[in-house]
Amino acid sequence: MSGWVVEHHRGSAAELHALEVPADATPRVWVLEATGPAVVLGSTQRDDVVDAEAARAAGIAVARRRSGGGAVWVEPGEPHWVDVIVPRGHELWTDDVGRAFLPVGRAWQEALASLGVTGTHLHEDRLACGPLGGTVCFAGRGPGEVLLGEAKVVGISQRRTRAGARFQCAVPVHWDPVPLAALLRHRPDPQALAGVGTGIGESISTDALVEALVTALH
């Protein structure tokens, strides 16, 4: 297998989501650092999911990614945002969009286990939105996503191009649904979202997480 190249990118949530999948055949791991807080909508979500006036008043950007799923809260250092770029023709590539998530999820499981986060399991079934999953990413369950008990610890969405696939991965440090819930127009109860996600804590640095992931991808 070709070696994985680790690249670091820093910018607004919108700028980071706009990064294109490179046209070459190099597999990459992107470490992404947002410079400010933002609510990031999935590709199919309506703009009015977010209370734009409340977001503007709070100084929170609203961005959109070109992959599916519900809204995600992003701020500097939260969550760990690490994307996996799989070129077409790479041994992890598959034409089956749903099954394409699974090797990435398994690599995350292995990486987390090596760092002491054990007992996770992989969601291998179809997308399961539940009552809030269409609105909040972590309230749904997609193939390849990693769960600890009933709480999601790795959220994954996918964008495919002619060059390859970009798996956008979010691993919370601390799962806190309050900031996101406060800016959604329908104001979901944060208590209803409290158990849908979980964090890995501050003892695991981004560098350690990325190193473990790259090792697992090999």
Protein backbone atom coordinates (compact mmCIF):
# COMPACT_ATOMS: atom_id res chain seq x y z
CA MET A 1 0.00 0.00 0.00
CA SER A 2 1.22 3.50 -0.78
CA GLY A 3 2.20 5.57 2.22
CA TRP A 4 -0.31 7.95 3.71
CA VAL A 5 0.61 11.64 3.59
CA VAL A 6 -0.51 13.79 6.52
CA GLU A 7 -1.40 17.39 5.64
CA HIS A 8 -2.52 20.18 7.97
CA HIS A 9 -5.04 22.82 6.90
CA ARG A 10 -6.27 25.81 8.89
CA GLY A 11 -9.08 28.19 7.99
CA SER A 12 -12.76 28.91 8.39
CA ALA A 13 -15.15 25.98 8.37
CA ALA A 14 -16.36 27.05 4.92
CA GLU A 15 -12.81 27.21 3.55
CA LEU A 16 -11.92 23.80 4.93
CA HIS A 17 -15.04 22.17 3.54
CA ALA A 18 -14.31 23.70 0.13
CA LEU A 19 -10.98 21.87 -0.20
CA GLU A 20 -11.03 19.65 -3.28
CA VAL A 21 -9.99 16.02 -3.41
CA PRO A 22 -6.55 16.05 -5.09
CA ALA A 23 -6.38 14.53 -8.56
CA ASP A 24 -3.29 12.41 -7.90
CA ALA A 25 -3.19 8.88 -6.48
CA THR A 26 -1.72 9.76 -3.09
CA PRO A 27 -3.76 8.64 -0.05
CA ARG A 28 -3.95 11.45 2.47
CA VAL A 29 -5.00 12.23 6.00
CA TRP A 30 -6.04 15.86 6.42
CA VAL A 31 -5.85 17.41 9.87
CA LEU A 32 -8.23 20.36 9.82
CA GLU A 33 -8.31 23.23 12.28
CA ALA A 34 -11.20 25.67 12.22
CA THR A 35 -10.30 29.25 13.12
CA GLY A 36 -13.74 30.14 14.44
CA PRO A 37 -17.04 28.62 15.57
CA ALA A 38 -19.54 27.49 12.98
CA VAL A 39 -22.62 25.41 12.38
CA VAL A 40 -21.96 23.17 9.39
CA LEU A 41 -24.98 21.94 7.46
CA GLY A 42 -25.10 18.74 5.44
CA SER A 43 -25.39 18.94 1.67
CA THR A 44 -29.13 18.26 1.57
CA GLN A 45 -30.23 20.30 4.59
CA ARG A 46 -32.30 23.43 4.10
CA ASP A 47 -30.77 26.76 5.05
CA ASP A 48 -33.62 27.46 7.45
CA VAL A 49 -32.56 24.57 9.72
CA VAL A 50 -30.43 27.24 11.41
CA ASP A 51 -31.78 30.37 13.07
CA ALA A 52 -29.68 32.71 10.94
CA GLU A 53 -30.52 35.77 13.05
CA ALA A 54 -29.47 34.07 16.28
CA ALA A 55 -26.25 32.81 14.66
CA ARG A 56 -25.44 36.28 13.34
CA ALA A 57 -26.10 37.88 16.73
CA ALA A 58 -23.79 35.33 18.40
CA GLY A 59 -21.06 35.78 15.79
CA ILE A 60 -21.36 32.16 14.65
CA ALA A 61 -20.71 31.34 11.00
CA VAL A 62 -23.00 29.03 9.07
CA ALA A 63 -21.22 26.83 6.52
CA ARG A 64 -22.21 23.95 4.30
CA ARG A 65 -20.33 20.80 3.42
CA ARG A 66 -20.69 18.82 0.21
CA SER A 67 -21.32 15.55 2.03
CA GLY A 68 -24.52 14.30 3.61
CA GLY A 69 -25.85 14.13 7.13
CA GLY A 70 -27.10 16.56 9.73
CA ALA A 71 -25.65 19.67 11.29
CA VAL A 72 -22.32 19.65 13.12
CA TRP A 73 -20.90 22.17 15.59
CA VAL A 74 -17.27 23.16 14.89
CA GLU A 75 -14.99 25.46 16.87
CA PRO A 76 -11.22 25.72 17.37
CA GLY A 77 -10.10 22.43 18.90
CA GLU A 78 -13.56 20.81 18.88
CA PRO A 79 -14.09 18.26 17.52
CA HIS A 80 -10.92 16.56 16.30
CA TRP A 81 -11.51 17.02 12.56
CA VAL A 82 -9.53 14.50 10.55
CA ASP A 83 -10.43 13.62 6.96
CA VAL A 84 -9.31 10.51 5.09
CA ILE A 85 -8.73 10.91 1.34
CA VAL A 86 -8.93 7.63 -0.58
CA PRO A 87 -8.00 7.91 -4.28
CA ARG A 88 -9.77 5.79 -6.89
CA GLY A 89 -7.77 2.65 -7.44
CA HIS A 90 -6.41 2.56 -3.89
CA GLU A 91 -6.93 -0.76 -2.11
CA LEU A 92 -9.40 0.87 0.30
CA TRP A 93 -11.48 2.14 -2.64
CA THR A 94 -14.79 0.48 -3.45
CA ASP A 95 -17.52 1.50 -5.87
CA ASP A 96 -20.12 0.58 -3.24
CA VAL A 97 -20.83 3.92 -1.58
CA GLY A 98 -22.25 2.42 1.60
CA ARG A 99 -19.54 -0.19 2.16
CA ALA A 100 -16.82 2.38 1.43
CA PHE A 101 -17.28 3.75 4.97
CA LEU A 102 -16.49 0.45 6.67
CA PRO A 103 -12.68 0.22 6.32
CA VAL A 104 -12.36 3.82 7.46
CA GLY A 105 -14.53 3.11 10.49
CA ARG A 106 -12.55 -0.01 11.31
CA ALA A 107 -9.32 1.99 11.16
CA TRP A 108 -10.82 4.48 13.62
CA GLN A 109 -11.79 1.62 15.94
CA GLU A 110 -8.24 0.26 15.85
CA ALA A 111 -6.74 3.71 16.38
CA LEU A 112 -8.97 4.46 19.37
CA ALA A 113 -8.32 1.05 20.92
CA SER A 114 -4.57 1.66 20.70
CA LEU A 115 -5.13 4.87 22.68
CA GLY A 116 -7.19 3.22 25.38
CA VAL A 117 -10.70 3.85 24.01
CA THR A 118 -11.90 0.24 23.96
CA GLY A 119 -15.26 -1.49 23.68
CA THR A 120 -16.42 0.42 20.59
CA HIS A 121 -18.55 -1.12 17.88
CA LEU A 122 -19.09 -0.31 14.23
CA HIS A 123 -22.46 0.57 12.72
CA GLU A 124 -22.54 -1.71 9.67
CA ASP A 125 -26.22 -1.39 8.83
CA ARG A 126 -28.00 1.23 6.72
CA LEU A 127 -28.38 4.84 7.71
CA ALA A 128 -30.63 5.16 10.76
CA CYS A 129 -31.74 8.74 11.36
CA GLY A 130 -34.15 8.41 14.26
CA PRO A 131 -36.21 11.44 15.31
CA LEU A 132 -33.31 13.93 15.30
CA GLY A 133 -30.68 12.35 13.03
CA GLY A 134 -31.84 14.27 9.99
CA THR A 135 -31.16 17.50 11.84
CA VAL A 136 -28.13 16.76 14.03
CA CYS A 137 -25.38 14.56 12.62
CA PHE A 138 -24.52 12.79 15.85
CA ALA A 139 -28.15 11.85 16.48
CA GLY A 140 -28.11 9.53 13.45
CA ARG A 141 -26.16 6.37 12.72
CA GLY A 142 -24.48 5.79 9.37
CA PRO A 143 -22.42 2.88 8.04
CA GLY A 144 -18.85 2.93 9.30
CA GLU A 145 -19.53 5.22 12.23
CA VAL A 146 -18.06 4.20 15.55
CA LEU A 147 -20.17 3.92 18.69
CA LEU A 148 -19.32 3.54 22.35
CA GLY A 149 -22.41 1.99 23.82
CA GLU A 150 -25.24 3.95 22.22
CA ALA A 151 -23.19 7.15 21.84
CA LYS A 152 -21.38 8.05 18.63
CA VAL A 153 -17.67 8.68 19.09
CA VAL A 154 -16.69 9.01 15.41
CA GLY A 155 -19.03 10.63 12.90
CA ILE A 156 -18.24 10.12 9.21
CA SER A 157 -19.66 11.63 6.04
CA GLN A 158 -18.46 11.05 2.49
CA ARG A 159 -17.96 13.10 -0.65
CA ARG A 160 -17.03 11.29 -3.85
CA THR A 161 -15.49 12.82 -6.95
CA ARG A 162 -13.82 11.50 -10.07
CA ALA A 163 -10.51 11.61 -8.20
CA GLY A 164 -11.58 9.69 -5.11
CA ALA A 165 -13.48 9.92 -1.84
CA ARG A 166 -13.15 12.35 1.04
CA PHE A 167 -14.30 10.85 4.32
CA GLN A 168 -14.99 13.73 6.69
CA CYS A 169 -14.51 12.52 10.25
CA ALA A 170 -15.39 14.20 13.54
CA VAL A 171 -14.23 12.88 16.91
CA PRO A 172 -15.48 14.99 19.83
CA VAL A 173 -13.15 15.96 22.63
CA HIS A 174 -16.19 16.70 24.83
CA TRP A 175 -19.69 16.10 23.50
CA ASP A 176 -21.78 19.18 24.27
CA PRO A 177 -24.99 19.59 22.21
CA VAL A 178 -25.98 22.92 23.82
CA PRO A 179 -24.25 25.38 21.41
CA LEU A 180 -25.65 23.64 18.34
CA ALA A 181 -29.15 23.14 19.74
CA ALA A 182 -29.35 26.83 20.65
CA LEU A 183 -28.92 27.83 16.99
CA LEU A 184 -31.30 25.37 15.37
CA ARG A 185 -34.62 26.87 14.44
CA HIS A 186 -36.68 24.11 16.05
CA ARG A 187 -34.62 24.28 19.28
CA PRO A 188 -34.24 20.56 20.07
CA ASP A 189 -33.95 19.83 23.78
CA PRO A 190 -30.23 19.46 24.60
CA GLN A 191 -31.19 16.74 27.07
CA ALA A 192 -32.57 14.71 24.17
CA LEU A 193 -29.17 15.02 22.49
CA ALA A 194 -27.00 14.52 25.57
CA GLY A 195 -26.56 10.79 25.08
CA VAL A 196 -26.22 10.61 21.29
CA GLY A 197 -22.50 11.44 21.30
CA THR A 198 -19.48 11.13 23.51
CA GLY A 199 -15.96 12.54 23.58
CA ILE A 200 -12.55 10.96 23.97
CA GLY A 201 -11.29 13.52 26.50
CA GLU A 202 -8.40 15.94 26.59
CA SER A 203 -5.74 13.34 27.38
CA ILE A 204 -5.62 12.23 23.74
CA SER A 205 -4.02 14.91 21.57
CA THR A 206 -4.81 15.45 17.90
CA ASP A 207 -1.25 14.42 17.00
CA ALA A 208 -1.59 11.13 18.90
CA LEU A 209 -4.97 10.47 17.32
CA VAL A 210 -3.66 11.10 13.81
CA GLU A 211 -0.56 8.97 14.36
CA ALA A 212 -2.74 6.08 15.57
CA LEU A 213 -5.11 6.46 12.63
CA VAL A 214 -2.32 6.47 10.05
CA THR A 215 -0.88 3.32 11.64
CA ALA A 216 -4.31 1.66 11.51
CA LEU A 217 -4.83 2.63 7.86
CA HIS A 218 -1.67 0.79 6.94
